[in-house]
C-alpha atoms as a PDB file:
ATOM      1  CA  MET A   1      96.629 223.290 161.549  1.00  0.00           C
ATOM      2  CA  SER A   2     100.036 224.063 162.919  1.00  0.00           C
ATOM      3  CA  SER A   3     103.022 224.457 160.590  1.00  0.00           C
ATOM      4  CA  LEU A   4     104.581 221.533 162.378  1.00  0.00           C
ATOM      5  CA  THR A   5     102.055 219.071 161.075  1.00  0.00           C
ATOM      6  CA  LEU A   6     102.456 220.348 157.578  1.00  0.00           C
ATOM      7  CA  LEU A   7     106.196 219.896 157.604  1.00  0.00           C
ATOM      8  CA  SER A   8     106.078 216.403 159.344  1.00  0.00           C
ATOM      9  CA  ILE A   9     106.539 213.597 157.011  1.00  0.00           C
ATOM     10  CA  SER A  10     105.832 209.967 157.890  1.00  0.00           C
ATOM     11  CA  TRP A  11     108.510 207.364 157.600  1.00  0.00           C
ATOM     12  CA  GLN A  12     106.495 205.744 154.768  1.00  0.00           C
ATOM     13  CA  HIS A  13     106.494 208.891 152.844  1.00  0.00           C
ATOM     14  CA  LEU A  14     110.254 209.274 153.418  1.00  0.00           C
ATOM     15  CA  LEU A  15     110.910 205.853 152.241  1.00  0.00           C
ATOM     16  CA  ILE A  16     109.001 206.360 148.997  1.00  0.00           C
ATOM     17  CA  LEU A  17     111.047 209.612 148.416  1.00  0.00           C
ATOM     18  CA  LEU A  18     114.416 207.732 149.060  1.00  0.00           C
ATOM     19  CA  ILE A  19     113.403 204.996 146.582  1.00  0.00           C
ATOM     20  CA  PHE A  20     111.875 207.234 143.876  1.00  0.00           C
ATOM     21  CA  ILE A  21     114.503 210.080 143.699  1.00  0.00           C
ATOM     22  CA  PRO A  22     117.392 207.723 142.967  1.00  0.00           C
ATOM     23  CA  SER A  23     115.434 205.694 140.486  1.00  0.00           C
ATOM     24  CA  TYR A  24     114.189 208.848 138.668  1.00  0.00           C
ATOM     25  CA  PHE A  25     117.904 209.743 138.143  1.00  0.00           C
ATOM     26  CA  VAL A  26     119.227 206.257 136.992  1.00  0.00           C
ATOM     27  CA  PRO A  27     120.094 207.483 133.531  1.00  0.00           C
ATOM     28  CA  THR A  28     122.285 210.207 134.925  1.00  0.00           C
ATOM     29  CA  PHE A  29     123.977 207.784 137.198  1.00  0.00           C
ATOM     30  CA  ILE A  30     124.743 205.403 134.433  1.00  0.00           C
ATOM     31  CA  ALA A  31     126.061 208.386 132.191  1.00  0.00           C
ATOM     32  CA  LEU A  32     128.335 209.365 135.223  1.00  0.00           C
ATOM     33  CA  SER A  33     129.643 205.874 135.705  1.00  0.00           C
ATOM     34  CA  ARG A  34     130.202 205.408 132.082  1.00  0.00           C
ATOM     35  CA  LYS A  35     132.075 208.654 132.008  1.00  0.00           C
ATOM     36  CA  LYS A  36     130.046 210.068 129.024  1.00  0.00           C
ATOM     37  CA  SER A  37     131.252 213.215 127.395  1.00  0.00           C
ATOM     38  CA  ASN A  38     127.512 214.642 127.377  1.00  0.00           C
ATOM     39  CA  THR A  39     126.634 213.621 130.929  1.00  0.00           C
ATOM     40  CA  LEU A  40     125.356 217.190 131.621  1.00  0.00           C
ATOM     41  CA  SER A  41     122.955 216.906 128.511  1.00  0.00           C
ATOM     42  CA  ILE A  42     121.724 213.687 129.759  1.00  0.00           C
ATOM     43  CA  PHE A  43     121.139 215.147 133.253  1.00  0.00           C
ATOM     44  CA  ALA A  44     119.267 218.095 131.766  1.00  0.00           C
ATOM     45  CA  LEU A  45     116.958 215.758 129.736  1.00  0.00           C
ATOM     46  CA  ASN A  46     116.491 213.561 132.652  1.00  0.00           C
ATOM     47  CA  LEU A  47     115.615 216.390 135.009  1.00  0.00           C
ATOM     48  CA  LEU A  48     113.403 218.432 132.682  1.00  0.00           C
ATOM     49  CA  LEU A  49     111.479 215.507 130.730  1.00  0.00           C
ATOM     50  CA  GLY A  50     112.120 212.498 133.040  1.00  0.00           C
ATOM     51  CA  TRP A  51     108.713 212.924 134.394  1.00  0.00           C
ATOM     52  CA  SER A  52     107.318 211.652 131.107  1.00  0.00           C
ATOM     53  CA  LEU A  53     108.250 208.015 130.494  1.00  0.00           C
ATOM     54  CA  ILE A  54     109.508 208.965 126.905  1.00  0.00           C
ATOM     55  CA  GLY A  55     111.869 211.536 128.337  1.00  0.00           C
ATOM     56  CA  TRP A  56     113.132 209.164 131.002  1.00  0.00           C
ATOM     57  CA  ALA A  57     113.558 206.270 128.484  1.00  0.00           C
ATOM     58  CA  GLY A  58     115.304 208.657 125.911  1.00  0.00           C
ATOM     59  CA  ALA A  59     117.809 209.715 128.507  1.00  0.00           C
ATOM     60  CA  LEU A  60     118.389 206.088 129.647  1.00  0.00           C
ATOM     61  CA  VAL A  61     118.994 205.029 126.042  1.00  0.00           C
ATOM     62  CA  TRP A  62     121.305 207.971 125.593  1.00  0.00           C
ATOM     63  CA  ALA A  63     123.286 207.095 128.598  1.00  0.00           C
ATOM     64  CA  LEU A  64     123.674 203.478 127.651  1.00  0.00           C
ATOM     65  CA  SER A  65     124.608 204.258 124.123  1.00  0.00           C
ATOM     66  CA  ASN A  66     128.163 203.238 123.012  1.00  0.00           C
ATOM     67  CA  LYS A  67     128.530 205.856 120.310  1.00  0.00           C
ATOM     68  CA  GLU A  68     130.892 208.551 121.203  1.00  0.00           C
ATOM     69  CA  GLY A  69     132.105 211.307 118.690  1.00  0.00           C
ATOM     70  CA  ASN A  70     135.783 210.928 119.521  1.00  0.00           C
ATOM     71  CA  GLN A  71     136.155 207.160 119.520  1.00  0.00           C
ATOM     72  CA  ASN A  72     138.779 205.499 117.468  1.00  0.00           C
ATOM     73  CA  THR A  73     137.267 203.584 114.695  1.00  0.00           C
ATOM     74  CA  GLY A  74     140.227 201.280 114.106  1.00  0.00           C
ATOM     75  CA  SER A  75     140.402 197.918 115.981  1.00  0.00           C
ATOM     76  CA  ASN A  76     143.200 197.043 118.520  1.00  0.00           C
ATOM     77  CA  ILE A  77     144.827 194.735 115.973  1.00  0.00           C
ATOM     78  CA  ASP A  78     145.212 197.738 113.548  1.00  0.00           C
ATOM     79  CA  GLN A  79     146.368 199.985 116.194  1.00  0.00           C
ATOM     80  CA  LEU A  80     148.936 197.500 117.255  1.00  0.00           C
ATOM     81  CA  THR A  81     150.144 197.030 113.685  1.00  0.00           C
ATOM     82  CA  GLN A  82     150.478 200.746 113.254  1.00  0.00           C
ATOM     83  CA  LEU A  83     152.384 200.932 116.550  1.00  0.00           C
ATOM     84  CA  LYS A  84     154.635 198.119 115.476  1.00  0.00           C
ATOM     85  CA  VAL A  85     155.470 199.977 112.134  1.00  0.00           C
ATOM     86  CA  LEU A  86     156.244 203.241 113.962  1.00  0.00           C
ATOM     87  CA  HIS A  87     158.541 201.175 116.512  1.00  0.00           C
ATOM     88  CA  ASP A  88     160.264 199.503 113.495  1.00  0.00           C
ATOM     89  CA  GLN A  89     160.874 202.814 111.831  1.00  0.00           C
ATOM     90  CA  GLY A  90     162.533 204.134 115.215  1.00  0.00           C
ATOM     91  CA  VAL A  91     159.719 207.002 115.563  1.00  0.00           C
ATOM     92  CA  ILE A  92     158.979 205.723 118.976  1.00  0.00           C
ATOM     93  CA  THR A  93     161.242 204.190 121.592  1.00  0.00           C
ATOM     94  CA  ASP A  94     160.974 200.679 123.058  1.00  0.00           C
ATOM     95  CA  GLU A  95     159.470 202.220 126.383  1.00  0.00           C
ATOM     96  CA  GLU A  96     156.964 204.122 124.393  1.00  0.00           C
ATOM     97  CA  PHE A  97     156.053 201.097 122.290  1.00  0.00           C
ATOM     98  CA  GLU A  98     155.535 198.879 125.461  1.00  0.00           C
ATOM     99  CA  THR A  99     153.504 201.582 127.145  1.00  0.00           C
ATOM    100  CA  GLN A 100     151.132 201.986 124.237  1.00  0.00           C
ATOM    101  CA  LYS A 101     150.832 198.319 123.558  1.00  0.00           C
ATOM    102  CA  ASN A 102     149.907 197.667 127.177  1.00  0.00           C
ATOM    103  CA  LYS A 103     147.328 200.452 127.055  1.00  0.00           C
ATOM    104  CA  LEU A 104     145.789 198.825 123.918  1.00  0.00           C
ATOM    105  CA  LEU A 105     145.773 195.291 125.482  1.00  0.00           C
ATOM    106  CA  ARG A 106     143.943 196.273 128.621  1.00  0.00           C
END
């Protein structure tokens, strides 16, 4: 056998690889798109244990979870109320109040 035949890949094999690799890393792509703070850890789990269905499913669940350590626990209404109190007390200016209010209402 020549080395050329060992390295040649049929278009069917190439098509399978082009479908398999992106689908294998779906949890990582989801974590990237959701801007998760632990994307690197999700990638490591996906890369090292993704071959097992449990590892891939675990990475997927982790990437889809909403729980973040640095999330604000208050609702937007509570935050707007606190913002209004600060504005009424003169702690923040009208411009700062409007900027923060617009961020919360997005």
